[in-house]
PDB file of all heavy atoms in Angstrom:
ATOM      1  N   ASP A   1      78.985  78.209  81.029  1.00  0.00           N
ATOM      2  CA  ASP A   1      78.628  79.004  79.853  1.00  0.00           C
ATOM      3  C   ASP A   1      79.857  79.781  79.385  1.00  0.00           C
ATOM      4  O   ASP A   1      80.266  80.765  80.008  1.00  0.00           O
ATOM      5  CB  ASP A   1      77.487  79.973  80.173  1.00  0.00           C
ATOM      6  CG  ASP A   1      76.174  79.258  80.425  1.00  0.00           C
ATOM      7  OD1 ASP A   1      75.851  78.347  79.657  1.00  0.00           O
ATOM      8  OD2 ASP A   1      75.471  79.602  81.399  1.00  0.00           O
ATOM      9  N   CYS A   2      80.427  79.339  78.281  1.00  0.00           N
ATOM     10  CA  CYS A   2      81.671  79.923  77.791  1.00  0.00           C
ATOM     11  C   CYS A   2      81.506  80.416  76.352  1.00  0.00           C
ATOM     12  O   CYS A   2      80.944  79.708  75.507  1.00  0.00           O
ATOM     13  CB  CYS A   2      82.808  78.903  77.864  1.00  0.00           C
ATOM     14  SG  CYS A   2      84.427  79.551  77.362  1.00  0.00           S
ATOM     15  N   VAL A   3      81.976  81.635  76.081  1.00  0.00           N
ATOM     16  CA  VAL A   3      81.972  82.192  74.730  1.00  0.00           C
ATOM     17  C   VAL A   3      83.385  82.655  74.387  1.00  0.00           C
ATOM     18  O   VAL A   3      84.079  83.245  75.220  1.00  0.00           O
ATOM     19  CB  VAL A   3      80.964  83.362  74.584  1.00  0.00           C
ATOM     20  CG1 VAL A   3      79.542  82.843  74.478  1.00  0.00           C
ATOM     21  CG2 VAL A   3      81.068  84.346  75.753  1.00  0.00           C
ATOM     22  N   ILE A   4      83.803  82.374  73.153  1.00  0.00           N
ATOM     23  CA  ILE A   4      85.137  82.720  72.671  1.00  0.00           C
ATOM     24  C   ILE A   4      84.980  83.698  71.504  1.00  0.00           C
ATOM     25  O   ILE A   4      84.143  83.492  70.621  1.00  0.00           O
ATOM     26  CB  ILE A   4      85.912  81.472  72.219  1.00  0.00           C
ATOM     27  CG1 ILE A   4      85.946  80.441  73.354  1.00  0.00           C
ATOM     28  CG2 ILE A   4      87.335  81.830  71.802  1.00  0.00           C
ATOM     29  CD1 ILE A   4      86.437  79.066  72.908  1.00  0.00           C
ATOM     30  N   PHE A   5      85.805  84.737  71.463  1.00  0.00           N
ATOM     31  CA  PHE A   5      85.675  85.812  70.487  1.00  0.00           C
ATOM     32  C   PHE A   5      86.907  85.872  69.577  1.00  0.00           C
ATOM     33  O   PHE A   5      88.040  85.959  70.053  1.00  0.00           O
ATOM     34  CB  PHE A   5      85.494  87.161  71.194  1.00  0.00           C
ATOM     35  CG  PHE A   5      84.302  87.213  72.104  1.00  0.00           C
ATOM     36  CD1 PHE A   5      84.375  86.717  73.405  1.00  0.00           C
ATOM     37  CD2 PHE A   5      83.096  87.744  71.683  1.00  0.00           C
ATOM     38  CE1 PHE A   5      83.275  86.760  74.251  1.00  0.00           C
ATOM     39  CE2 PHE A   5      81.989  87.792  72.518  1.00  0.00           C
ATOM     40  CZ  PHE A   5      82.085  87.298  73.802  1.00  0.00           C
ATOM     41  N   VAL A   6      86.678  85.831  68.270  1.00  0.00           N
ATOM     42  CA  VAL A   6      87.744  85.974  67.274  1.00  0.00           C
ATOM     43  C   VAL A   6      87.285  86.977  66.210  1.00  0.00           C
ATOM     44  O   VAL A   6      86.145  87.433  66.218  1.00  0.00           O
ATOM     45  CB  VAL A   6      88.106  84.621  66.633  1.00  0.00           C
ATOM     46  CG1 VAL A   6      88.685  83.672  67.661  1.00  0.00           C
ATOM     47  CG2 VAL A   6      86.888  83.992  65.979  1.00  0.00           C
ATOM     48  N   LYS A   7      88.199  87.282  65.256  1.00  0.00           N
ATOM     49  CA  LYS A   7      87.903  88.350  64.293  1.00  0.00           C
ATOM     50  C   LYS A   7      87.432  87.861  62.932  1.00  0.00           C
ATOM     51  O   LYS A   7      86.885  88.649  62.154  1.00  0.00           O
ATOM     52  CB  LYS A   7      89.137  89.244  64.125  1.00  0.00           C
ATOM     53  CG  LYS A   7      89.400  90.149  65.317  1.00  0.00           C
ATOM     54  CD  LYS A   7      90.439  91.194  65.022  1.00  0.00           C
ATOM     55  CE  LYS A   7      90.579  92.188  66.177  1.00  0.00           C
ATOM     56  NZ  LYS A   7      91.558  93.270  65.913  1.00  0.00           N
ATOM     57  N   THR A   8      87.656  86.593  62.619  1.00  0.00           N
ATOM     58  CA  THR A   8      87.259  86.097  61.296  1.00  0.00           C
ATOM     59  C   THR A   8      86.494  84.783  61.415  1.00  0.00           C
ATOM     60  O   THR A   8      86.649  84.048  62.399  1.00  0.00           O
ATOM     61  CB  THR A   8      88.481  85.878  60.386  1.00  0.00           C
ATOM     62  OG1 THR A   8      89.289  84.811  60.917  1.00  0.00           O
ATOM     63  CG2 THR A   8      89.316  87.155  60.279  1.00  0.00           C
ATOM     64  N   LYS A   9      85.733  84.491  60.387  1.00  0.00           N
ATOM     65  CA  LYS A   9      84.975  83.250  60.346  1.00  0.00           C
ATOM     66  C   LYS A   9      85.909  82.052  60.284  1.00  0.00           C
ATOM     67  O   LYS A   9      85.666  81.020  60.923  1.00  0.00           O
ATOM     68  CB  LYS A   9      84.026  83.255  59.145  1.00  0.00           C
ATOM     69  CG  LYS A   9      83.128  82.030  59.079  1.00  0.00           C
ATOM     70  CD  LYS A   9      82.195  82.079  57.886  1.00  0.00           C
ATOM     71  CE  LYS A   9      81.299  80.846  57.838  1.00  0.00           C
ATOM     72  NZ  LYS A   9      80.404  80.878  56.632  1.00  0.00           N
ATOM     73  N   PHE A  10      86.977  82.186  59.492  1.00  0.00           N
ATOM     74  CA  PHE A  10      87.951  81.094  59.369  1.00  0.00           C
ATOM     75  C   PHE A  10      88.563  80.750  60.724  1.00  0.00           C
ATOM     76  O   PHE A  10      88.681  79.584  61.095  1.00  0.00           O
ATOM     77  CB  PHE A  10      89.049  81.479  58.372  1.00  0.00           C
ATOM     78  CG  PHE A  10      90.151  80.462  58.260  1.00  0.00           C
ATOM     79  CD1 PHE A  10      89.975  79.304  57.512  1.00  0.00           C
ATOM     80  CD2 PHE A  10      91.368  80.663  58.916  1.00  0.00           C
ATOM     81  CE1 PHE A  10      90.991  78.358  57.428  1.00  0.00           C
ATOM     82  CE2 PHE A  10      92.381  79.724  58.819  1.00  0.00           C
ATOM     83  CZ  PHE A  10      92.192  78.569  58.080  1.00  0.00           C
ATOM     84  N   SER A  11      88.952  81.793  61.482  1.00  0.00           N
ATOM     85  CA  SER A  11      89.523  81.576  62.814  1.00  0.00           C
ATOM     86  C   SER A  11      88.516  80.907  63.741  1.00  0.00           C
ATOM     87  O   SER A  11      88.858  80.027  64.524  1.00  0.00           O
ATOM     88  CB  SER A  11      89.981  82.902  63.416  1.00  0.00           C
ATOM     89  OG  SER A  11      91.001  83.488  62.654  1.00  0.00           O
ATOM     90  N   ALA A  12      87.257  81.328  63.633  1.00  0.00           N
ATOM     91  CA  ALA A  12      86.202  80.763  64.476  1.00  0.00           C
ATOM     92  C   ALA A  12      86.033  79.271  64.216  1.00  0.00           C
ATOM     93  O   ALA A  12      85.905  78.476  65.154  1.00  0.00           O
ATOM     94  CB  ALA A  12      84.892  81.500  64.223  1.00  0.00           C
ATOM     95  N   GLU A  13      86.029  78.874  62.953  1.00  0.00           N
ATOM     96  CA  GLU A  13      85.876  77.457  62.593  1.00  0.00           C
ATOM     97  C   GLU A  13      87.054  76.640  63.105  1.00  0.00           C
ATOM     98  O   GLU A  13      86.883  75.538  63.627  1.00  0.00           O
ATOM     99  CB  GLU A  13      85.735  77.327  61.078  1.00  0.00           C
ATOM    100  CG  GLU A  13      84.414  77.882  60.550  1.00  0.00           C
ATOM    101  CD  GLU A  13      84.354  77.933  59.039  1.00  0.00           C
ATOM    102  OE1 GLU A  13      85.445  77.795  58.401  1.00  0.00           O
ATOM    103  OE2 GLU A  13      83.241  78.116  58.473  1.00  0.00           O
ATOM    104  N   ARG A  14      88.265  77.178  62.952  1.00  0.00           N
ATOM    105  CA  ARG A  14      89.472  76.469  63.397  1.00  0.00           C
ATOM    106  C   ARG A  14      89.493  76.334  64.920  1.00  0.00           C
ATOM    107  O   ARG A  14      89.764  75.251  65.457  1.00  0.00           O
ATOM    108  CB  ARG A  14      90.715  77.210  62.901  1.00  0.00           C
ATOM    109  CG  ARG A  14      92.044  76.642  63.419  1.00  0.00           C
ATOM    110  CD  ARG A  14      93.213  77.364  62.806  1.00  0.00           C
ATOM    111  NE  ARG A  14      93.126  78.814  62.974  1.00  0.00           N
ATOM    112  CZ  ARG A  14      93.470  79.451  64.105  1.00  0.00           C
ATOM    113  NH1 ARG A  14      93.948  78.778  65.145  1.00  0.00           N
ATOM    114  NH2 ARG A  14      93.355  80.773  64.173  1.00  0.00           N
ATOM    115  N   VAL A  15      89.209  77.444  65.615  1.00  0.00           N
ATOM    116  CA  VAL A  15      89.229  77.442  67.077  1.00  0.00           C
ATOM    117  C   VAL A  15      88.171  76.498  67.642  1.00  0.00           C
ATOM    118  O   VAL A  15      88.438  75.731  68.572  1.00  0.00           O
ATOM    119  CB  VAL A  15      89.023  78.873  67.616  1.00  0.00           C
ATOM    120  CG1 VAL A  15      88.756  78.845  69.123  1.00  0.00           C
ATOM    121  CG2 VAL A  15      90.243  79.742  67.317  1.00  0.00           C
ATOM    122  N   MET A  16      86.963  76.540  67.091  1.00  0.00           N
ATOM    123  CA  MET A  16      85.898  75.681  67.580  1.00  0.00           C
ATOM    124  C   MET A  16      86.278  74.204  67.456  1.00  0.00           C
ATOM    125  O   MET A  16      86.085  73.418  68.392  1.00  0.00           O
ATOM    126  CB  MET A  16      84.593  75.957  66.833  1.00  0.00           C
ATOM    127  CG  MET A  16      83.407  75.169  67.410  1.00  0.00           C
ATOM    128  SD  MET A  16      81.796  75.632  66.728  1.00  0.00           S
ATOM    129  CE  MET A  16      81.886  74.835  65.123  1.00  0.00           C
ATOM    130  N   LYS A  17      86.855  73.829  66.330  1.00  0.00           N
ATOM    131  CA  LYS A  17      87.260  72.442  66.116  1.00  0.00           C
ATOM    132  C   LYS A  17      88.316  72.018  67.138  1.00  0.00           C
ATOM    133  O   LYS A  17      88.220  70.949  67.753  1.00  0.00           O
ATOM    134  CB  LYS A  17      87.801  72.273  64.693  1.00  0.00           C
ATOM    135  CG  LYS A  17      88.221  70.849  64.361  1.00  0.00           C
ATOM    136  CD  LYS A  17      88.762  70.752  62.940  1.00  0.00           C
ATOM    137  CE  LYS A  17      89.252  69.340  62.638  1.00  0.00           C
ATOM    138  NZ  LYS A  17      89.824  69.248  61.254  1.00  0.00           N
ATOM    139  N   ASN A  18      89.335  72.866  67.338  1.00  0.00           N
ATOM    140  CA  ASN A  18      90.431  72.529  68.246  1.00  0.00           C
ATOM    141  C   ASN A  18      89.981  72.483  69.710  1.00  0.00           C
ATOM    142  O   ASN A  18      90.384  71.604  70.472  1.00  0.00           O
ATOM    143  CB  ASN A  18      91.573  73.530  68.085  1.00  0.00           C
ATOM    144  CG  ASN A  18      92.264  73.414  66.738  1.00  0.00           C
ATOM    145  OD1 ASN A  18      92.192  72.364  66.088  1.00  0.00           O
ATOM    146  ND2 ASN A  18      92.925  74.482  66.285  1.00  0.00           N
ATOM    147  N   ILE A  19      89.130  73.431  70.109  1.00  0.00           N
ATOM    148  CA  ILE A  19      88.684  73.482  71.500  1.00  0.00           C
ATOM    149  C   ILE A  19      87.740  72.328  71.822  1.00  0.00           C
ATOM    150  O   ILE A  19      87.798  71.749  72.917  1.00  0.00           O
ATOM    151  CB  ILE A  19      88.030  74.843  71.812  1.00  0.00           C
ATOM    152  CG1 ILE A  19      89.067  75.959  71.734  1.00  0.00           C
ATOM    153  CG2 ILE A  19      87.383  74.831  73.191  1.00  0.00           C
ATOM    154  CD1 ILE A  19      90.256  75.787  72.655  1.00  0.00           C
ATOM    155  N   ILE A  20      86.885  71.969  70.884  1.00  0.00           N
ATOM    156  CA  ILE A  20      86.009  70.809  71.097  1.00  0.00           C
ATOM    157  C   ILE A  20      86.846  69.550  71.286  1.00  0.00           C
ATOM    158  O   ILE A  20      86.561  68.716  72.160  1.00  0.00           O
ATOM    159  CB  ILE A  20      85.022  70.655  69.924  1.00  0.00           C
ATOM    160  CG1 ILE A  20      83.955  71.760  69.979  1.00  0.00           C
ATOM    161  CG2 ILE A  20      84.343  69.279  69.962  1.00  0.00           C
ATOM    162  CD1 ILE A  20      82.996  71.754  68.806  1.00  0.00           C
ATOM    163  N   THR A  21      87.912  69.399  70.476  1.00  0.00           N
ATOM    164  CA  THR A  21      88.815  68.259  70.615  1.00  0.00           C
ATOM    165  C   THR A  21      89.464  68.237  71.992  1.00  0.00           C
ATOM    166  O   THR A  21      89.560  67.194  72.641  1.00  0.00           O
ATOM    167  CB  THR A  21      89.905  68.303  69.526  1.00  0.00           C
ATOM    168  OG1 THR A  21      89.297  68.286  68.238  1.00  0.00           O
ATOM    169  CG2 THR A  21      90.849  67.112  69.649  1.00  0.00           C
ATOM    170  N   PHE A  22      89.902  69.401  72.463  1.00  0.00           N
ATOM    171  CA  PHE A  22      90.519  69.504  73.789  1.00  0.00           C
ATOM    172  C   PHE A  22      89.522  69.132  74.890  1.00  0.00           C
ATOM    173  O   PHE A  22      89.855  68.369  75.804  1.00  0.00           O
ATOM    174  CB  PHE A  22      91.045  70.927  74.021  1.00  0.00           C
ATOM    175  CG  PHE A  22      91.531  71.172  75.419  1.00  0.00           C
ATOM    176  CD1 PHE A  22      92.797  70.767  75.807  1.00  0.00           C
ATOM    177  CD2 PHE A  22      90.709  71.789  76.363  1.00  0.00           C
ATOM    178  CE1 PHE A  22      93.245  70.982  77.113  1.00  0.00           C
ATOM    179  CE2 PHE A  22      91.146  72.005  77.659  1.00  0.00           C
ATOM    180  CZ  PHE A  22      92.426  71.598  78.031  1.00  0.00           C
ATOM    181  N   ILE A  23      88.323  69.656  74.805  1.00  0.00           N
ATOM    182  CA  ILE A  23      87.304  69.398  75.833  1.00  0.00           C
ATOM    183  C   ILE A  23      86.957  67.917  75.905  1.00  0.00           C
ATOM    184  O   ILE A  23      86.863  67.327  76.986  1.00  0.00           O
ATOM    185  CB  ILE A  23      86.042  70.239  75.567  1.00  0.00           C
ATOM    186  CG1 ILE A  23      86.332  71.730  75.801  1.00  0.00           C
ATOM    187  CG2 ILE A  23      84.885  69.792  76.469  1.00  0.00           C
ATOM    188  CD1 ILE A  23      85.208  72.644  75.343  1.00  0.00           C
ATOM    189  N   GLU A  24      86.793  67.283  74.762  1.00  0.00           N
ATOM    190  CA  GLU A  24      86.365  65.885  74.734  1.00  0.00           C
ATOM    191  C   GLU A  24      87.503  64.912  75.034  1.00  0.00           C
ATOM    192  O   GLU A  24      87.287  63.894  75.691  1.00  0.00           O
ATOM    193  CB  GLU A  24      85.722  65.573  73.388  1.00  0.00           C
ATOM    194  CG  GLU A  24      84.406  66.315  73.175  1.00  0.00           C
ATOM    195  CD  GLU A  24      83.708  65.985  71.881  1.00  0.00           C
ATOM    196  OE1 GLU A  24      84.378  65.479  70.952  1.00  0.00           O
ATOM    197  OE2 GLU A  24      82.489  66.222  71.774  1.00  0.00           O
ATOM    198  N   ASN A  25      88.718  65.223  74.566  1.00  0.00           N
ATOM    199  CA  ASN A  25      89.845  64.304  74.742  1.00  0.00           C
ATOM    200  C   ASN A  25      90.600  64.524  76.051  1.00  0.00           C
ATOM    201  O   ASN A  25      91.007  63.563  76.705  1.00  0.00           O
ATOM    202  CB  ASN A  25      90.815  64.416  73.570  1.00  0.00           C
ATOM    203  CG  ASN A  25      90.203  63.928  72.265  1.00  0.00           C
ATOM    204  OD1 ASN A  25      89.165  63.251  72.253  1.00  0.00           O
ATOM    205  ND2 ASN A  25      90.816  64.270  71.142  1.00  0.00           N
ATOM    206  N   LYS A  26      90.803  65.774  76.432  1.00  0.00           N
ATOM    207  CA  LYS A  26      91.581  66.083  77.631  1.00  0.00           C
ATOM    208  C   LYS A  26      90.717  66.204  78.884  1.00  0.00           C
ATOM    209  O   LYS A  26      91.053  65.659  79.933  1.00  0.00           O
ATOM    210  CB  LYS A  26      92.377  67.377  77.416  1.00  0.00           C
ATOM    211  CG  LYS A  26      93.385  67.308  76.277  1.00  0.00           C
ATOM    212  CD  LYS A  26      94.517  66.347  76.585  1.00  0.00           C
ATOM    213  CE  LYS A  26      95.574  66.353  75.475  1.00  0.00           C
ATOM    214  NZ  LYS A  26      96.699  65.409  75.774  1.00  0.00           N
ATOM    215  N   LEU A  27      89.613  66.907  78.766  1.00  0.00           N
ATOM    216  CA  LEU A  27      88.744  67.096  79.922  1.00  0.00           C
ATOM    217  C   LEU A  27      87.705  65.991  80.082  1.00  0.00           C
ATOM    218  O   LEU A  27      87.039  65.906  81.128  1.00  0.00           O
ATOM    219  CB  LEU A  27      88.039  68.457  79.846  1.00  0.00           C
ATOM    220  CG  LEU A  27      88.936  69.698  79.842  1.00  0.00           C
ATOM    221  CD1 LEU A  27      88.089  70.965  79.858  1.00  0.00           C
ATOM    222  CD2 LEU A  27      89.891  69.685  81.022  1.00  0.00           C
ATOM    223  N   LYS A  28      87.536  65.179  79.044  1.00  0.00           N
ATOM    224  CA  LYS A  28      86.583  64.059  79.068  1.00  0.00           C
ATOM    225  C   LYS A  28      85.145  64.531  79.320  1.00  0.00           C
ATOM    226  O   LYS A  28      84.362  63.876  80.004  1.00  0.00           O
ATOM    227  CB  LYS A  28      86.982  63.023  80.127  1.00  0.00           C
ATOM    228  CG  LYS A  28      88.412  62.498  79.991  1.00  0.00           C
ATOM    229  CD  LYS A  28      88.645  61.808  78.648  1.00  0.00           C
ATOM    230  CE  LYS A  28      90.074  61.288  78.547  1.00  0.00           C
ATOM    231  NZ  LYS A  28      90.342  60.672  77.207  1.00  0.00           N
ATOM    232  N   LEU A  29      84.812  65.687  78.751  1.00  0.00           N
ATOM    233  CA  LEU A  29      83.460  66.224  78.843  1.00  0.00           C
ATOM    234  C   LEU A  29      82.763  66.121  77.492  1.00  0.00           C
ATOM    235  O   LEU A  29      83.415  66.009  76.450  1.00  0.00           O
ATOM    236  CB  LEU A  29      83.495  67.688  79.295  1.00  0.00           C
ATOM    237  CG  LEU A  29      84.027  67.958  80.699  1.00  0.00           C
ATOM    238  CD1 LEU A  29      84.176  69.464  80.927  1.00  0.00           C
ATOM    239  CD2 LEU A  29      83.115  67.370  81.764  1.00  0.00           C
ATOM    240  N   LYS A  30      81.425  66.182  77.523  1.00  0.00           N
ATOM    241  CA  LYS A  30      80.642  66.097  76.295  1.00  0.00           C
ATOM    242  C   LYS A  30      80.252  67.500  75.826  1.00  0.00           C
ATOM    243  O   LYS A  30      79.782  68.313  76.618  1.00  0.00           O
ATOM    244  CB  LYS A  30      79.385  65.259  76.515  1.00  0.00           C
ATOM    245  CG  LYS A  30      79.664  63.802  76.868  1.00  0.00           C
ATOM    246  CD  LYS A  30      78.368  63.046  77.107  1.00  0.00           C
ATOM    247  CE  LYS A  30      78.645  61.584  77.504  1.00  0.00           C
ATOM    248  NZ  LYS A  30      77.373  60.850  77.786  1.00  0.00           N
ATOM    249  N   VAL A  31      80.461  67.760  74.553  1.00  0.00           N
ATOM    250  CA  VAL A  31      80.043  69.022  73.949  1.00  0.00           C
ATOM    251  C   VAL A  31      78.735  68.792  73.208  1.00  0.00           C
ATOM    252  O   VAL A  31      78.622  67.867  72.401  1.00  0.00           O
ATOM    253  CB  VAL A  31      81.114  69.571  72.985  1.00  0.00           C
ATOM    254  CG1 VAL A  31      80.615  70.836  72.286  1.00  0.00           C
ATOM    255  CG2 VAL A  31      82.410  69.862  73.742  1.00  0.00           C
ATOM    256  N   ASN A  32      77.734  69.625  73.503  1.00  0.00           N
ATOM    257  CA  ASN A  32      76.443  69.526  72.817  1.00  0.00           C
ATOM    258  C   ASN A  32      76.590  70.079  71.408  1.00  0.00           C
ATOM    259  O   ASN A  32      76.651  71.288  71.200  1.00  0.00           O
ATOM    260  CB  ASN A  32      75.383  70.307  73.599  1.00  0.00           C
ATOM    261  CG  ASN A  32      73.980  70.023  73.114  1.00  0.00           C
ATOM    262  OD1 ASN A  32      73.741  69.805  71.925  1.00  0.00           O
ATOM    263  ND2 ASN A  32      73.023  70.031  74.026  1.00  0.00           N
ATOM    264  N   ALA A  33      76.644  69.168  70.437  1.00  0.00           N
ATOM    265  CA  ALA A  33      76.882  69.568  69.046  1.00  0.00           C
ATOM    266  C   ALA A  33      75.756  70.425  68.485  1.00  0.00           C
ATOM    267  O   ALA A  33      75.981  71.284  67.633  1.00  0.00           O
ATOM    268  CB  ALA A  33      77.079  68.328  68.173  1.00  0.00           C
ATOM    269  N   GLU A  34      74.526  70.206  68.966  1.00  0.00           N
ATOM    270  CA  GLU A  34      73.377  70.965  68.467  1.00  0.00           C
ATOM    271  C   GLU A  34      73.391  72.417  68.933  1.00  0.00           C
ATOM    272  O   GLU A  34      72.964  73.315  68.207  1.00  0.00           O
ATOM    273  CB  GLU A  34      72.074  70.293  68.904  1.00  0.00           C
ATOM    274  CG  GLU A  34      71.838  68.924  68.262  1.00  0.00           C
ATOM    275  CD  GLU A  34      70.531  68.301  68.681  1.00  0.00           C
ATOM    276  OE1 GLU A  34      69.792  68.962  69.461  1.00  0.00           O
ATOM    277  OE2 GLU A  34      70.230  67.174  68.234  1.00  0.00           O
ATOM    278  N   LYS A  35      73.873  72.648  70.153  1.00  0.00           N
ATOM    279  CA  LYS A  35      73.834  73.992  70.727  1.00  0.00           C
ATOM    280  C   LYS A  35      75.162  74.739  70.605  1.00  0.00           C
ATOM    281  O   LYS A  35      75.200  75.964  70.788  1.00  0.00           O
ATOM    282  CB  LYS A  35      73.410  73.921  72.192  1.00  0.00           C
ATOM    283  CG  LYS A  35      71.987  73.421  72.394  1.00  0.00           C
ATOM    284  CD  LYS A  35      71.602  73.414  73.856  1.00  0.00           C
ATOM    285  CE  LYS A  35      70.172  72.930  74.053  1.00  0.00           C
ATOM    286  NZ  LYS A  35      69.787  72.920  75.501  1.00  0.00           N
ATOM    287  N   THR A  36      76.247  74.034  70.337  1.00  0.00           N
ATOM    288  CA  THR A  36      77.541  74.677  70.140  1.00  0.00           C
ATOM    289  C   THR A  36      77.647  75.151  68.698  1.00  0.00           C
ATOM    290  O   THR A  36      77.524  74.368  67.759  1.00  0.00           O
ATOM    291  CB  THR A  36      78.687  73.714  70.470  1.00  0.00           C
ATOM    292  OG1 THR A  36      78.610  73.347  71.849  1.00  0.00           O
ATOM    293  CG2 THR A  36      80.035  74.348  70.190  1.00  0.00           C
ATOM    294  N   HIS A  37      77.879  76.436  68.501  1.00  0.00           N
ATOM    295  CA  HIS A  37      77.866  76.988  67.147  1.00  0.00           C
ATOM    296  C   HIS A  37      78.642  78.297  67.079  1.00  0.00           C
ATOM    297  O   HIS A  37      78.999  78.882  68.097  1.00  0.00           O
ATOM    298  CB  HIS A  37      76.418  77.224  66.676  1.00  0.00           C
ATOM    299  CG  HIS A  37      75.663  78.189  67.566  1.00  0.00           C
ATOM    300  ND1 HIS A  37      75.118  77.835  68.777  1.00  0.00           N
ATOM    301  CD2 HIS A  37      75.388  79.500  67.415  1.00  0.00           C
ATOM    302  CE1 HIS A  37      74.524  78.872  69.338  1.00  0.00           C
ATOM    303  NE2 HIS A  37      74.673  79.897  68.537  1.00  0.00           N
ATOM    304  N   ILE A  38      78.883  78.715  65.848  1.00  0.00           N
ATOM    305  CA  ILE A  38      79.507  80.011  65.576  1.00  0.00           C
ATOM    306  C   ILE A  38      78.394  81.010  65.267  1.00  0.00           C
ATOM    307  O   ILE A  38      77.494  80.720  64.483  1.00  0.00           O
ATOM    308  CB  ILE A  38      80.489  79.914  64.394  1.00  0.00           C
ATOM    309  CG1 ILE A  38      81.642  78.964  64.744  1.00  0.00           C
ATOM    310  CG2 ILE A  38      81.034  81.295  64.032  1.00  0.00           C
ATOM    311  CD1 ILE A  38      82.500  78.584  63.570  1.00  0.00           C
ATOM    312  N   THR A  39      78.465  82.163  65.867  1.00  0.00           N
ATOM    313  CA  THR A  39      77.396  83.140  65.695  1.00  0.00           C
ATOM    314  C   THR A  39      77.968  84.543  65.649  1.00  0.00           C
ATOM    315  O   THR A  39      79.170  84.759  65.829  1.00  0.00           O
ATOM    316  CB  THR A  39      76.354  83.004  66.825  1.00  0.00           C
ATOM    317  OG1 THR A  39      75.243  83.858  66.555  1.00  0.00           O
ATOM    318  CG2 THR A  39      76.965  83.381  68.179  1.00  0.00           C
ATOM    319  N   ARG A  40      77.077  85.501  65.413  1.00  0.00           N
ATOM    320  CA  ARG A  40      77.430  86.917  65.396  1.00  0.00           C
ATOM    321  C   ARG A  40      76.770  87.616  66.587  1.00  0.00           C
ATOM    322  O   ARG A  40      75.816  87.082  67.174  1.00  0.00           O
ATOM    323  CB  ARG A  40      76.957  87.551  64.086  1.00  0.00           C
ATOM    324  CG  ARG A  40      77.494  86.840  62.840  1.00  0.00           C
ATOM    325  CD  ARG A  40      78.933  87.197  62.577  1.00  0.00           C
ATOM    326  NE  ARG A  40      79.030  88.489  61.884  1.00  0.00           N
ATOM    327  CZ  ARG A  40      80.154  89.136  61.658  1.00  0.00           C
ATOM    328  NH1 ARG A  40      81.270  88.625  62.070  1.00  0.00           N
ATOM    329  NH2 ARG A  40      80.159  90.310  61.021  1.00  0.00           N
ATOM    330  N   PRO A  41      77.247  88.804  66.962  1.00  0.00           N
ATOM    331  CA  PRO A  41      76.716  89.461  68.159  1.00  0.00           C
ATOM    332  C   PRO A  41      75.201  89.630  68.180  1.00  0.00           C
ATOM    333  O   PRO A  41      74.562  89.441  69.214  1.00  0.00           O
ATOM    334  CB  PRO A  41      77.428  90.824  68.155  1.00  0.00           C
ATOM    335  CG  PRO A  41      78.704  90.570  67.426  1.00  0.00           C
ATOM    336  CD  PRO A  41      78.374  89.560  66.380  1.00  0.00           C
ATOM    337  N   ASN A  42      74.598  89.988  67.031  1.00  0.00           N
ATOM    338  CA  ASN A  42      73.153  90.236  67.002  1.00  0.00           C
ATOM    339  C   ASN A  42      72.330  88.964  67.162  1.00  0.00           C
ATOM    340  O   ASN A  42      71.126  89.028  67.440  1.00  0.00           O
ATOM    341  CB  ASN A  42      72.758  90.977  65.722  1.00  0.00           C
ATOM    342  CG  ASN A  42      73.182  90.227  64.472  1.00  0.00           C
ATOM    343  OD1 ASN A  42      74.302  89.724  64.385  1.00  0.00           O
ATOM    344  ND2 ASN A  42      72.315  90.163  63.484  1.00  0.00           N
ATOM    345  N   ASN A  43      72.972  87.794  67.009  1.00  0.00           N
ATOM    346  CA  ASN A  43      72.270  86.514  67.174  1.00  0.00           C
ATOM    347  C   ASN A  43      72.678  85.779  68.448  1.00  0.00           C
ATOM    348  O   ASN A  43      72.183  84.687  68.719  1.00  0.00           O
ATOM    349  CB  ASN A  43      72.532  85.607  65.966  1.00  0.00           C
ATOM    350  CG  ASN A  43      71.916  86.150  64.693  1.00  0.00           C
ATOM    351  OD1 ASN A  43      70.806  86.695  64.708  1.00  0.00           O
ATOM    352  ND2 ASN A  43      72.627  86.018  63.583  1.00  0.00           N
ATOM    353  N   LEU A  44      73.561  86.376  69.233  1.00  0.00           N
ATOM    354  CA  LEU A  44      74.077  85.726  70.435  1.00  0.00           C
ATOM    355  C   LEU A  44      73.115  85.898  71.604  1.00  0.00           C
ATOM    356  O   LEU A  44      72.658  87.002  71.890  1.00  0.00           O
ATOM    357  CB  LEU A  44      75.448  86.309  70.803  1.00  0.00           C
ATOM    358  CG  LEU A  44      76.086  85.798  72.111  1.00  0.00           C
ATOM    359  CD1 LEU A  44      76.413  84.314  72.027  1.00  0.00           C
ATOM    360  CD2 LEU A  44      77.340  86.612  72.450  1.00  0.00           C
TER     361      LEU A  44
END
């Protein structure tokens, strides 16, 4: 269970895309696209 914290929505979208690529290509793990998302503290 991993959560990453950034300050802007743009940064969140960029980071999520890059980290998913790293996880799937380098670590050879599957990311659940339905449950992986960008959210705010009150919805976390």
